[in-house]
Amino acid sequence: MQNALAIVLESPEHLSLSRLDLDARTDDDVVVQTAWSGISTGTERLLYRGRMPDFPGMGYPLVPGYETVGTIIEAGSRSHLREGQMVFVPGSRCFGPVRGLFGGAASHLISAASRVVPVSEELGEKAILIALAATAYHARAGANPSSPSHPAASPGGDLIIGHGVLGRLLARLSVIEGGEPPTVWETNPARVGGGTEYAVCPPEHDPRRDRRTIFDVSGDATLLDTLISRLAPGGEIVLAGFYEAPLAFTFPPAFMREARIRVAAQWRESDLLAVTQLIESGALSLDGLITHRSAVADAAAAYPIAFNDPECLKMVIDWRQCQ
C-alpha cells in the first residue's frame, strides 16, 4: 500500500480530502483497510476549532481520528495477526511529514500490530465506540467509594455530568457493577432520553449532596465548586472530560469534605481489552449511541454537525465506497 485517501485538517476549521503517501510497513505492522471512523466531540472539536491546548503532536496539517475499524489486508510476519481480521485501530502515525493526531481518518492505515484489537465482525460500525468505552472503563477503574478516614461516608450512588456518548457509557458500566443506579445531569433537552436503567435530569431536579463519586465529562471548567458541594465526606470528583480552560475551586468547601479530585487520563491497553470482552460478551451494549453517518465526500459538512448539533451523539464516516 503506497498511499491513502485521508481527511486532513489543514488549519482550524479547514478540512480537505488528500492522497497521502504512507510509511513503509515493517514485519511488526499491519495494513488496515478502513470501513468506518468516528468523530470525537472532545479533543477533535478543540483541534478543529484551533483551541487545543499545547499537546504532544499538535500542529497543522494533521490527520485527526482515533476511532477506526477496518480489515487487515497485509500482516507482517511478526504481527501474529492474519489478513481478513476485523480490528479496531486507535489512530496511526503513518503519513510521513503530515502529523497524525490521532491519525485514524484515512482509507488505509499502517499500525503496529500491538496497537490494534481484533473485534467481532458482528459489531460492525459500533466497534468505533471501543475507544470511548475504554475511556469510561479507565475512569471508573480508579474510583474509590469511600475514604478510610471517613468510614461512615454515605454510599450515595454515582453522579455523572453529561449524557453524551461517554456519559452514557459511564452510566452503563455503573449499572453493570451493580448497587444504586447512577444519576446523570443533562441540561440539553435533546439528550435527556435514553437512560432506561438510570435517572437523567437537570441539576436543579437532583437534591442530593451525598455523592461518593462524581464523573464530569462535560469539559466545563467552571463546574468544580458546584460538584464539590454535591460530594459526601471523602468523596471523589473524576475529571474525565478534556478542558481547554484552567480549572479552579474554592478551598474551604473542599477542605470540609476532604474532597478528592482525580484526572482520568487516556485509557490503557488493559482497559481496551477488558471493555472489548464486556462488549463481545453482551454485558455492555453499544446500541443507540451512533446517531449520524456521513460519506467520506461529505466530511467537511459532517464535522460541524458532529460538534454543533445537540442531537448528534456520534458521527461515523463510512469509508467502504472509497477504497
C-alpha atoms as a PDB file:
ATOM      1  CA  MET A   1       0.000   0.000   0.000  1.00  0.00           C
ATOM      2  CA  GLN A   2       1.632   3.236  -1.189  1.00  0.00           C
ATOM      3  CA  ASN A   3      -0.921   5.900  -0.312  1.00  0.00           C
ATOM      4  CA  ALA A   4      -4.292   6.542   1.293  1.00  0.00           C
ATOM      5  CA  LEU A   5      -7.162   8.970   0.990  1.00  0.00           C
ATOM      6  CA  ALA A   6      -7.217  10.917   4.233  1.00  0.00           C
ATOM      7  CA  ILE A   7      -9.163  13.665   5.950  1.00  0.00           C
ATOM      8  CA  VAL A   8      -6.625  16.404   6.608  1.00  0.00           C
ATOM      9  CA  LEU A   9      -7.176  19.309   8.960  1.00  0.00           C
ATOM     10  CA  GLU A  10      -5.117  21.887   7.061  1.00  0.00           C
ATOM     11  CA  SER A  11      -5.777  24.660   9.579  1.00  0.00           C
ATOM     12  CA  PRO A  12      -8.545  25.423  12.101  1.00  0.00           C
ATOM     13  CA  GLU A  13     -11.964  24.827  10.528  1.00  0.00           C
ATOM     14  CA  HIS A  14     -10.412  23.952   7.154  1.00  0.00           C
ATOM     15  CA  LEU A  15     -10.695  20.292   6.131  1.00  0.00           C
ATOM     16  CA  SER A  16      -9.596  18.686   2.892  1.00  0.00           C
ATOM     17  CA  LEU A  17      -9.517  15.197   1.375  1.00  0.00           C
ATOM     18  CA  SER A  18      -5.987  14.386   0.254  1.00  0.00           C
ATOM     19  CA  ARG A  19      -3.958  11.468  -1.043  1.00  0.00           C
ATOM     20  CA  LEU A  20      -1.077  10.944   1.364  1.00  0.00           C
ATOM     21  CA  ASP A  21       1.935   8.689   0.981  1.00  0.00           C
ATOM     22  CA  LEU A  22       2.168   6.034   3.665  1.00  0.00           C
ATOM     23  CA  ASP A  23       5.253   4.983   5.552  1.00  0.00           C
ATOM     24  CA  ALA A  24       6.688   1.584   4.708  1.00  0.00           C
ATOM     25  CA  ARG A  25       5.241  -1.370   6.594  1.00  0.00           C
ATOM     26  CA  THR A  26       7.573  -3.349   8.843  1.00  0.00           C
ATOM     27  CA  ASP A  27       7.291  -7.014   9.806  1.00  0.00           C
ATOM     28  CA  ASP A  28       5.682  -5.901  13.100  1.00  0.00           C
ATOM     29  CA  ASP A  29       2.959  -3.881  11.359  1.00  0.00           C
ATOM     30  CA  VAL A  30      -0.393  -4.476   9.738  1.00  0.00           C
ATOM     31  CA  VAL A  31      -2.085  -2.591   6.903  1.00  0.00           C
ATOM     32  CA  VAL A  32      -5.755  -1.928   7.616  1.00  0.00           C
ATOM     33  CA  GLN A  33      -8.404  -1.021   5.064  1.00  0.00           C
ATOM     34  CA  THR A  34     -10.796   1.278   6.888  1.00  0.00           C
ATOM     35  CA  ALA A  35     -14.528   0.597   6.967  1.00  0.00           C
ATOM     36  CA  TRP A  36     -15.642   3.250   9.469  1.00  0.00           C
ATOM     37  CA  SER A  37     -14.131   6.011  11.581  1.00  0.00           C
ATOM     38  CA  GLY A  38     -15.715   8.148  14.283  1.00  0.00           C
ATOM     39  CA  ILE A  39     -15.510  11.857  15.070  1.00  0.00           C
ATOM     40  CA  SER A  40     -14.660  12.735  18.672  1.00  0.00           C
ATOM     41  CA  THR A  41     -16.597  15.667  20.086  1.00  0.00           C
ATOM     42  CA  GLY A  42     -13.960  16.264  22.782  1.00  0.00           C
ATOM     43  CA  THR A  43     -10.361  16.509  21.630  1.00  0.00           C
ATOM     44  CA  GLU A  44     -11.194  16.653  17.923  1.00  0.00           C
ATOM     45  CA  ARG A  45     -13.576  19.555  18.482  1.00  0.00           C
ATOM     46  CA  LEU A  46     -10.725  21.528  20.066  1.00  0.00           C
ATOM     47  CA  LEU A  47      -8.372  20.562  17.220  1.00  0.00           C
ATOM     48  CA  TYR A  48     -10.949  21.588  14.631  1.00  0.00           C
ATOM     49  CA  ARG A  49     -11.522  24.969  16.254  1.00  0.00           C
ATOM     50  CA  GLY A  50      -7.843  25.645  16.850  1.00  0.00           C
ATOM     51  CA  ARG A  51      -8.336  25.741  20.626  1.00  0.00           C
ATOM     52  CA  MET A  52      -6.470  22.584  21.629  1.00  0.00           C
ATOM     53  CA  PRO A  53      -4.054  23.334  24.499  1.00  0.00           C
ATOM     54  CA  ASP A  54      -0.402  22.608  23.805  1.00  0.00           C
ATOM     55  CA  PHE A  55      -0.219  18.861  23.392  1.00  0.00           C
ATOM     56  CA  PRO A  56       2.389  16.420  22.005  1.00  0.00           C
ATOM     57  CA  GLY A  57       1.882  16.045  18.257  1.00  0.00           C
ATOM     58  CA  MET A  58      -0.056  19.293  17.833  1.00  0.00           C
ATOM     59  CA  GLY A  59       0.305  21.282  14.636  1.00  0.00           C
ATOM     60  CA  TYR A  60      -1.200  21.535  11.172  1.00  0.00           C
ATOM     61  CA  PRO A  61      -1.681  19.900   8.759  1.00  0.00           C
ATOM     62  CA  LEU A  62      -2.777  16.781  10.609  1.00  0.00           C
ATOM     63  CA  VAL A  63      -4.943  13.717  10.160  1.00  0.00           C
ATOM     64  CA  PRO A  64      -7.480  13.506  13.025  1.00  0.00           C
ATOM     65  CA  GLY A  65      -9.311  10.482  14.404  1.00  0.00           C
ATOM     66  CA  TYR A  66      -8.658   7.702  16.882  1.00  0.00           C
ATOM     67  CA  GLU A  67     -11.820   5.605  16.415  1.00  0.00           C
ATOM     68  CA  THR A  68     -11.225   3.437  13.353  1.00  0.00           C
ATOM     69  CA  VAL A  69     -12.449  -0.034  12.402  1.00  0.00           C
ATOM     70  CA  GLY A  70     -11.328  -1.945   9.361  1.00  0.00           C
ATOM     71  CA  THR A  71      -9.950  -5.156   7.883  1.00  0.00           C
ATOM     72  CA  ILE A  72      -6.331  -6.270   7.802  1.00  0.00           C
ATOM     73  CA  ILE A  73      -5.195  -6.566   4.187  1.00  0.00           C
ATOM     74  CA  GLU A  74      -1.491  -7.096   4.908  1.00  0.00           C
ATOM     75  CA  ALA A  75       0.015  -8.668   8.021  1.00  0.00           C
ATOM     76  CA  GLY A  76       3.711  -8.506   8.842  1.00  0.00           C
ATOM     77  CA  SER A  77       5.494 -11.783   9.563  1.00  0.00           C
ATOM     78  CA  ARG A  78       5.922 -10.840  13.242  1.00  0.00           C
ATOM     79  CA  SER A  79       2.455  -9.359  13.704  1.00  0.00           C
ATOM     80  CA  HIS A  80       0.741 -12.576  14.938  1.00  0.00           C
ATOM     81  CA  LEU A  81      -2.383 -11.417  13.080  1.00  0.00           C
ATOM     82  CA  ARG A  82      -3.860 -12.520   9.780  1.00  0.00           C
ATOM     83  CA  GLU A  83      -5.322 -10.962   6.688  1.00  0.00           C
ATOM     84  CA  GLY A  84      -9.101 -10.687   6.778  1.00  0.00           C
ATOM     85  CA  GLN A  85      -9.381  -9.970  10.505  1.00  0.00           C
ATOM     86  CA  MET A  86     -11.550  -7.022  11.543  1.00  0.00           C
ATOM     87  CA  VAL A  87      -9.721  -4.791  14.009  1.00  0.00           C
ATOM     88  CA  PHE A  88     -10.128  -1.599  15.986  1.00  0.00           C
ATOM     89  CA  VAL A  89      -7.284   0.891  15.404  1.00  0.00           C
ATOM     90  CA  PRO A  90      -6.783   3.738  17.927  1.00  0.00           C
ATOM     91  CA  GLY A  91      -5.158   6.035  15.374  1.00  0.00           C
ATOM     92  CA  SER A  92      -1.885   5.858  13.466  1.00  0.00           C
ATOM     93  CA  ARG A  93       1.206   7.884  12.635  1.00  0.00           C
ATOM     94  CA  CYS A  94       1.945   6.648   9.153  1.00  0.00           C
ATOM     95  CA  PHE A  95       1.669   9.749   6.954  1.00  0.00           C
ATOM     96  CA  GLY A  96       5.270  10.932   6.777  1.00  0.00           C
ATOM     97  CA  PRO A  97       5.503  14.714   7.278  1.00  0.00           C
ATOM     98  CA  VAL A  98       1.735  15.100   7.838  1.00  0.00           C
ATOM     99  CA  ARG A  99       1.032  14.849  11.552  1.00  0.00           C
ATOM    100  CA  GLY A 100      -1.132  12.027  12.823  1.00  0.00           C
ATOM    101  CA  LEU A 101      -3.007  13.382  15.833  1.00  0.00           C
ATOM    102  CA  PHE A 102      -4.551  10.993  16.033  1.00  0.00           C
ATOM    103  CA  GLY A 103      -4.260   9.724  12.511  1.00  0.00           C
ATOM    104  CA  GLY A 104      -7.252   7.419  12.125  1.00  0.00           C
ATOM    105  CA  ALA A 105      -9.369   9.205   9.495  1.00  0.00           C
ATOM    106  CA  ALA A 106      -7.962   7.625   6.342  1.00  0.00           C
ATOM    107  CA  SER A 107      -8.905   4.886   3.880  1.00  0.00           C
ATOM    108  CA  HIS A 108      -5.850   2.806   4.834  1.00  0.00           C
ATOM    109  CA  LEU A 109      -3.671   2.781   7.925  1.00  0.00           C
ATOM    110  CA  ILE A 110      -0.383   1.205   8.861  1.00  0.00           C
ATOM    111  CA  SER A 111      -0.132   0.377  12.539  1.00  0.00           C
ATOM    112  CA  ALA A 112       1.996  -1.676  14.866  1.00  0.00           C
ATOM    113  CA  ALA A 113       0.101  -4.921  15.367  1.00  0.00           C
ATOM    114  CA  SER A 114       0.440  -4.496  19.130  1.00  0.00           C
ATOM    115  CA  ARG A 115      -1.825  -1.425  18.977  1.00  0.00           C
ATOM    116  CA  VAL A 116      -4.791  -2.955  17.176  1.00  0.00           C
ATOM    117  CA  VAL A 117      -7.529  -5.038  18.769  1.00  0.00           C
ATOM    118  CA  PRO A 118      -9.373  -7.812  16.902  1.00  0.00           C
ATOM    119  CA  VAL A 119     -13.147  -7.324  17.091  1.00  0.00           C
ATOM    120  CA  SER A 120     -16.175  -9.309  16.042  1.00  0.00           C
ATOM    121  CA  GLU A 121     -17.497  -8.518  12.579  1.00  0.00           C
ATOM    122  CA  GLU A 122     -20.981  -8.598  14.094  1.00  0.00           C
ATOM    123  CA  LEU A 123     -20.236  -5.302  15.862  1.00  0.00           C
ATOM    124  CA  GLY A 124     -19.855  -3.528  12.527  1.00  0.00           C
ATOM    125  CA  GLU A 125     -19.712   0.268  12.826  1.00  0.00           C
ATOM    126  CA  LYS A 126     -20.405   0.125  16.572  1.00  0.00           C
ATOM    127  CA  ALA A 127     -16.843  -1.093  17.099  1.00  0.00           C
ATOM    128  CA  ILE A 128     -15.619   2.512  16.618  1.00  0.00           C
ATOM    129  CA  LEU A 129     -17.026   3.169  20.113  1.00  0.00           C
ATOM    130  CA  ILE A 130     -14.483   0.886  21.790  1.00  0.00           C
ATOM    131  CA  ALA A 131     -12.118   3.822  22.470  1.00  0.00           C
ATOM    132  CA  LEU A 132     -14.816   5.757  24.339  1.00  0.00           C
ATOM    133  CA  ALA A 133     -15.874   2.628  26.188  1.00  0.00           C
ATOM    134  CA  ALA A 134     -12.262   2.078  27.252  1.00  0.00           C
ATOM    135  CA  THR A 135     -12.065   5.721  28.359  1.00  0.00           C
ATOM    136  CA  ALA A 136     -15.155   5.217  30.527  1.00  0.00           C
ATOM    137  CA  TYR A 137     -13.777   1.957  31.911  1.00  0.00           C
ATOM    138  CA  HIS A 138     -10.454   3.633  32.764  1.00  0.00           C
ATOM    139  CA  ALA A 139     -12.223   6.496  34.537  1.00  0.00           C
ATOM    140  CA  ARG A 140     -14.241   4.069  36.636  1.00  0.00           C
ATOM    141  CA  ALA A 141     -11.349   1.707  37.365  1.00  0.00           C
ATOM    142  CA  GLY A 142      -9.752   4.013  39.922  1.00  0.00           C
ATOM    143  CA  ALA A 143     -12.967   5.095  41.634  1.00  0.00           C
ATOM    144  CA  ASN A 144     -12.995   4.635  45.412  1.00  0.00           C
ATOM    145  CA  PRO A 145     -16.467   4.557  47.008  1.00  0.00           C
ATOM    146  CA  SER A 146     -15.289   5.898  50.359  1.00  0.00           C
ATOM    147  CA  SER A 147     -12.165   7.041  52.111  1.00  0.00           C
ATOM    148  CA  PRO A 148     -10.727   5.127  55.083  1.00  0.00           C
ATOM    149  CA  SER A 149     -10.718   8.390  57.015  1.00  0.00           C
ATOM    150  CA  HIS A 150     -14.484   8.603  56.561  1.00  0.00           C
ATOM    151  CA  PRO A 151     -15.816   5.102  57.303  1.00  0.00           C
ATOM    152  CA  ALA A 152     -19.311   6.486  57.703  1.00  0.00           C
ATOM    153  CA  ALA A 153     -19.290   8.211  54.330  1.00  0.00           C
ATOM    154  CA  SER A 154     -22.625   7.942  52.586  1.00  0.00           C
ATOM    155  CA  PRO A 155     -22.840   5.256  49.893  1.00  0.00           C
ATOM    156  CA  GLY A 156     -24.664   7.680  47.601  1.00  0.00           C
ATOM    157  CA  GLY A 157     -24.807   6.482  44.002  1.00  0.00           C
ATOM    158  CA  ASP A 158     -22.557   7.889  41.316  1.00  0.00           C
ATOM    159  CA  LEU A 159     -23.298  11.215  39.659  1.00  0.00           C
ATOM    160  CA  ILE A 160     -22.328  11.686  36.013  1.00  0.00           C
ATOM    161  CA  ILE A 161     -22.212  15.122  34.382  1.00  0.00           C
ATOM    162  CA  GLY A 162     -23.247  14.981  30.737  1.00  0.00           C
ATOM    163  CA  HIS A 163     -25.369  12.493  28.777  1.00  0.00           C
ATOM    164  CA  GLY A 164     -23.338  12.285  25.598  1.00  0.00           C
ATOM    165  CA  VAL A 165     -21.772   9.018  24.484  1.00  0.00           C
ATOM    166  CA  LEU A 166     -19.099   8.992  27.203  1.00  0.00           C
ATOM    167  CA  GLY A 167     -21.646   9.818  29.919  1.00  0.00           C
ATOM    168  CA  ARG A 168     -23.940   7.044  28.701  1.00  0.00           C
ATOM    169  CA  LEU A 169     -21.117   4.528  28.685  1.00  0.00           C
ATOM    170  CA  LEU A 170     -20.107   5.522  32.213  1.00  0.00           C
ATOM    171  CA  ALA A 171     -23.711   5.059  33.322  1.00  0.00           C
ATOM    172  CA  ARG A 172     -23.995   1.657  31.625  1.00  0.00           C
ATOM    173  CA  LEU A 173     -20.768   0.478  33.274  1.00  0.00           C
ATOM    174  CA  SER A 174     -22.075   1.684  36.632  1.00  0.00           C
ATOM    175  CA  VAL A 175     -25.259  -0.338  36.149  1.00  0.00           C
ATOM    176  CA  ILE A 176     -23.185  -3.417  35.271  1.00  0.00           C
ATOM    177  CA  GLU A 177     -21.243  -3.057  38.525  1.00  0.00           C
ATOM    178  CA  GLY A 178     -24.492  -3.155  40.499  1.00  0.00           C
ATOM    179  CA  GLY A 179     -25.569  -1.213  43.543  1.00  0.00           C
ATOM    180  CA  GLU A 180     -27.540   2.005  43.419  1.00  0.00           C
ATOM    181  CA  PRO A 181     -28.086   3.209  39.828  1.00  0.00           C
ATOM    182  CA  PRO A 182     -26.274   6.417  38.890  1.00  0.00           C
ATOM    183  CA  THR A 183     -27.838   9.795  38.221  1.00  0.00           C
ATOM    184  CA  VAL A 184     -26.872  11.771  35.124  1.00  0.00           C
ATOM    185  CA  TRP A 185     -27.130  15.541  34.875  1.00  0.00           C
ATOM    186  CA  GLU A 186     -28.086  16.870  31.452  1.00  0.00           C
ATOM    187  CA  THR A 187     -29.305  20.380  30.637  1.00  0.00           C
ATOM    188  CA  ASN A 188     -29.937  19.839  26.925  1.00  0.00           C
ATOM    189  CA  PRO A 189     -33.485  18.521  26.318  1.00  0.00           C
ATOM    190  CA  ALA A 190     -32.320  16.763  23.145  1.00  0.00           C
ATOM    191  CA  ARG A 191     -30.088  14.476  25.235  1.00  0.00           C
ATOM    192  CA  VAL A 192     -32.287  13.637  28.190  1.00  0.00           C
ATOM    193  CA  GLY A 193     -33.690  10.449  26.663  1.00  0.00           C
ATOM    194  CA  GLY A 194     -32.015   7.059  26.554  1.00  0.00           C
ATOM    195  CA  GLY A 195     -31.452   6.382  30.242  1.00  0.00           C
ATOM    196  CA  THR A 196     -33.565   3.269  30.693  1.00  0.00           C
ATOM    197  CA  GLU A 197     -31.784   1.939  33.803  1.00  0.00           C
ATOM    198  CA  TYR A 198     -30.810   5.189  35.496  1.00  0.00           C
ATOM    199  CA  ALA A 199     -32.177   8.694  36.036  1.00  0.00           C
ATOM    200  CA  VAL A 200     -31.352  11.635  33.736  1.00  0.00           C
ATOM    201  CA  CYS A 201     -32.313  15.111  34.926  1.00  0.00           C
ATOM    202  CA  PRO A 202     -31.195  18.745  35.054  1.00  0.00           C
ATOM    203  CA  PRO A 203     -29.103  19.680  38.140  1.00  0.00           C
ATOM    204  CA  GLU A 204     -31.957  21.550  39.818  1.00  0.00           C
ATOM    205  CA  HIS A 205     -34.016  18.336  39.942  1.00  0.00           C
ATOM    206  CA  ASP A 206     -31.342  16.482  41.910  1.00  0.00           C
ATOM    207  CA  PRO A 207     -31.342  17.489  45.610  1.00  0.00           C
ATOM    208  CA  ARG A 208     -28.692  15.053  46.825  1.00  0.00           C
ATOM    209  CA  ARG A 209     -25.397  16.093  48.390  1.00  0.00           C
ATOM    210  CA  ASP A 210     -24.043  12.679  49.354  1.00  0.00           C
ATOM    211  CA  ARG A 211     -22.357  11.518  46.167  1.00  0.00           C
ATOM    212  CA  ARG A 212     -19.421   9.188  46.688  1.00  0.00           C
ATOM    213  CA  THR A 213     -18.097   9.685  43.140  1.00  0.00           C
ATOM    214  CA  ILE A 214     -18.871  12.344  40.545  1.00  0.00           C
ATOM    215  CA  PHE A 215     -17.694  11.805  36.974  1.00  0.00           C
ATOM    216  CA  ASP A 216     -17.509  15.020  34.965  1.00  0.00           C
ATOM    217  CA  VAL A 217     -17.402  14.503  31.207  1.00  0.00           C
ATOM    218  CA  SER A 218     -18.735  17.949  30.337  1.00  0.00           C
ATOM    219  CA  GLY A 219     -15.395  19.661  29.728  1.00  0.00           C
ATOM    220  CA  ASP A 220     -16.819  22.685  31.603  1.00  0.00           C
ATOM    221  CA  ALA A 221     -14.007  24.200  33.683  1.00  0.00           C
ATOM    222  CA  THR A 222     -16.442  26.280  35.768  1.00  0.00           C
ATOM    223  CA  LEU A 223     -18.270  23.404  37.477  1.00  0.00           C
ATOM    224  CA  LEU A 224     -15.895  22.333  40.248  1.00  0.00           C
ATOM    225  CA  ASP A 225     -17.462  24.356  43.062  1.00  0.00           C
ATOM    226  CA  THR A 226     -20.917  23.044  42.166  1.00  0.00           C
ATOM    227  CA  LEU A 227     -19.692  19.462  42.062  1.00  0.00           C
ATOM    228  CA  ILE A 228     -17.763  19.724  45.335  1.00  0.00           C
ATOM    229  CA  SER A 229     -20.971  20.876  47.033  1.00  0.00           C
ATOM    230  CA  ARG A 230     -22.622  17.582  45.998  1.00  0.00           C
ATOM    231  CA  LEU A 231     -19.959  15.272  47.475  1.00  0.00           C
ATOM    232  CA  ALA A 232     -20.222  13.102  50.568  1.00  0.00           C
ATOM    233  CA  PRO A 233     -17.301  13.392  53.036  1.00  0.00           C
ATOM    234  CA  GLY A 234     -14.275  11.763  51.444  1.00  0.00           C
ATOM    235  CA  GLY A 235     -15.961  11.715  48.058  1.00  0.00           C
ATOM    236  CA  GLU A 236     -14.152  11.992  44.748  1.00  0.00           C
ATOM    237  CA  ILE A 237     -14.557  14.025  41.577  1.00  0.00           C
ATOM    238  CA  VAL A 238     -13.181  12.343  38.465  1.00  0.00           C
ATOM    239  CA  LEU A 239     -12.311  14.720  35.633  1.00  0.00           C
ATOM    240  CA  ALA A 240     -12.990  12.523  32.625  1.00  0.00           C
ATOM    241  CA  GLY A 241     -13.530  15.248  30.038  1.00  0.00           C
ATOM    242  CA  PHE A 242     -10.946  17.415  28.278  1.00  0.00           C
ATOM    243  CA  TYR A 243     -10.681  21.007  29.460  1.00  0.00           C
ATOM    244  CA  GLU A 244      -9.304  23.896  27.433  1.00  0.00           C
ATOM    245  CA  ALA A 245      -9.545  26.436  30.276  1.00  0.00           C
ATOM    246  CA  PRO A 246      -7.741  26.310  33.648  1.00  0.00           C
ATOM    247  CA  LEU A 247      -9.698  24.701  36.482  1.00  0.00           C
ATOM    248  CA  ALA A 248     -10.096  26.308  39.899  1.00  0.00           C
ATOM    249  CA  PHE A 249     -12.180  25.764  43.020  1.00  0.00           C
ATOM    250  CA  THR A 250     -12.954  27.420  46.346  1.00  0.00           C
ATOM    251  CA  PHE A 251     -10.869  25.720  49.012  1.00  0.00           C
ATOM    252  CA  PRO A 252     -12.985  25.741  52.242  1.00  0.00           C
ATOM    253  CA  PRO A 253     -15.877  23.539  50.944  1.00  0.00           C
ATOM    254  CA  ALA A 254     -13.368  21.045  49.528  1.00  0.00           C
ATOM    255  CA  PHE A 255     -11.437  21.123  52.798  1.00  0.00           C
ATOM    256  CA  MET A 256     -14.529  20.433  54.897  1.00  0.00           C
ATOM    257  CA  ARG A 257     -15.410  17.411  52.764  1.00  0.00           C
ATOM    258  CA  GLU A 258     -11.790  16.253  52.417  1.00  0.00           C
ATOM    259  CA  ALA A 259     -12.629  16.016  48.732  1.00  0.00           C
ATOM    260  CA  ARG A 260     -10.539  14.112  46.240  1.00  0.00           C
ATOM    261  CA  ILE A 261     -10.042  15.310  42.656  1.00  0.00           C
ATOM    262  CA  ARG A 262      -8.636  12.848  40.142  1.00  0.00           C
ATOM    263  CA  VAL A 263      -7.772  13.284  36.475  1.00  0.00           C
ATOM    264  CA  ALA A 264      -8.642  10.263  34.330  1.00  0.00           C
ATOM    265  CA  ALA A 265      -6.099  10.190  31.523  1.00  0.00           C
ATOM    266  CA  GLN A 266      -6.138   8.143  28.347  1.00  0.00           C
ATOM    267  CA  TRP A 267      -7.157   4.501  28.558  1.00  0.00           C
ATOM    268  CA  ARG A 268      -4.509   1.809  28.752  1.00  0.00           C
ATOM    269  CA  GLU A 269      -4.239  -1.393  26.749  1.00  0.00           C
ATOM    270  CA  SER A 270      -5.678  -3.360  29.666  1.00  0.00           C
ATOM    271  CA  ASP A 271      -8.773  -1.104  29.644  1.00  0.00           C
ATOM    272  CA  LEU A 272      -9.217  -1.651  25.918  1.00  0.00           C
ATOM    273  CA  LEU A 273      -9.032  -5.426  26.279  1.00  0.00           C
ATOM    274  CA  ALA A 274     -11.313  -5.511  29.329  1.00  0.00           C
ATOM    275  CA  VAL A 275     -14.024  -3.411  27.756  1.00  0.00           C
ATOM    276  CA  THR A 276     -13.827  -5.362  24.483  1.00  0.00           C
ATOM    277  CA  GLN A 277     -14.589  -8.520  26.454  1.00  0.00           C
ATOM    278  CA  LEU A 278     -17.575  -6.817  28.106  1.00  0.00           C
ATOM    279  CA  ILE A 279     -18.896  -5.732  24.724  1.00  0.00           C
ATOM    280  CA  GLU A 280     -18.437  -9.056  22.981  1.00  0.00           C
ATOM    281  CA  SER A 281     -19.955 -10.959  25.906  1.00  0.00           C
ATOM    282  CA  GLY A 282     -23.071  -8.800  25.647  1.00  0.00           C
ATOM    283  CA  ALA A 283     -22.655  -7.298  29.120  1.00  0.00           C
ATOM    284  CA  LEU A 284     -22.009  -3.791  27.755  1.00  0.00           C
ATOM    285  CA  SER A 285     -24.312  -2.610  24.997  1.00  0.00           C
ATOM    286  CA  LEU A 286     -23.245  -0.077  22.373  1.00  0.00           C
ATOM    287  CA  ASP A 287     -26.760   0.249  20.984  1.00  0.00           C
ATOM    288  CA  GLY A 288     -28.331   3.656  20.427  1.00  0.00           C
ATOM    289  CA  LEU A 289     -25.083   5.647  20.548  1.00  0.00           C
ATOM    290  CA  ILE A 290     -24.398   6.211  16.836  1.00  0.00           C
ATOM    291  CA  THR A 291     -26.935   8.720  15.544  1.00  0.00           C
ATOM    292  CA  HIS A 292     -25.389  10.192  12.385  1.00  0.00           C
ATOM    293  CA  ARG A 293     -23.486   8.852   9.376  1.00  0.00           C
ATOM    294  CA  SER A 294     -21.653  10.522   6.539  1.00  0.00           C
ATOM    295  CA  ALA A 295     -19.940   9.560   3.301  1.00  0.00           C
ATOM    296  CA  VAL A 296     -16.260  10.490   3.077  1.00  0.00           C
ATOM    297  CA  ALA A 297     -17.017  13.025   0.329  1.00  0.00           C
ATOM    298  CA  ASP A 298     -19.235  14.928   2.767  1.00  0.00           C
ATOM    299  CA  ALA A 299     -16.716  15.001   5.624  1.00  0.00           C
ATOM    300  CA  ALA A 300     -16.350  18.795   5.547  1.00  0.00           C
ATOM    301  CA  ALA A 301     -20.048  19.083   6.436  1.00  0.00           C
ATOM    302  CA  ALA A 302     -20.036  16.149   8.854  1.00  0.00           C
ATOM    303  CA  TYR A 303     -17.548  17.639  11.311  1.00  0.00           C
ATOM    304  CA  PRO A 304     -19.574  20.799  12.113  1.00  0.00           C
ATOM    305  CA  ILE A 305     -22.683  18.650  12.549  1.00  0.00           C
ATOM    306  CA  ALA A 306     -20.829  16.353  14.951  1.00  0.00           C
ATOM    307  CA  PHE A 307     -19.650  19.325  17.013  1.00  0.00           C
ATOM    308  CA  ASN A 308     -22.699  21.620  16.918  1.00  0.00           C
ATOM    309  CA  ASP A 309     -25.871  19.541  16.578  1.00  0.00           C
ATOM    310  CA  PRO A 310     -27.090  18.524  20.070  1.00  0.00           C
ATOM    311  CA  GLU A 311     -28.999  15.600  18.562  1.00  0.00           C
ATOM    312  CA  CYS A 312     -25.765  14.141  17.180  1.00  0.00           C
ATOM    313  CA  LEU A 313     -24.314  11.792  19.775  1.00  0.00           C
ATOM    314  CA  LYS A 314     -21.781  10.177  17.444  1.00  0.00           C
ATOM    315  CA  MET A 315     -20.995  10.810  13.792  1.00  0.00           C
ATOM    316  CA  VAL A 316     -19.493   7.953  11.767  1.00  0.00           C
ATOM    317  CA  ILE A 317     -17.624   8.365   8.479  1.00  0.00           C
ATOM    318  CA  ASP A 318     -18.246   5.455   6.083  1.00  0.00           C
ATOM    319  CA  TRP A 319     -15.124   4.621   4.041  1.00  0.00           C
ATOM    320  CA  ARG A 320     -16.382   1.465   2.368  1.00  0.00           C
ATOM    321  CA  GLN A 321     -17.131   3.090  -1.015  1.00  0.00           C
ATOM    322  CA  CYS A 322     -13.773   4.826  -1.471  1.00  0.00           C
ATOM    323  CA  GLN A 323     -11.261   2.004  -1.340  1.00  0.00           C
END
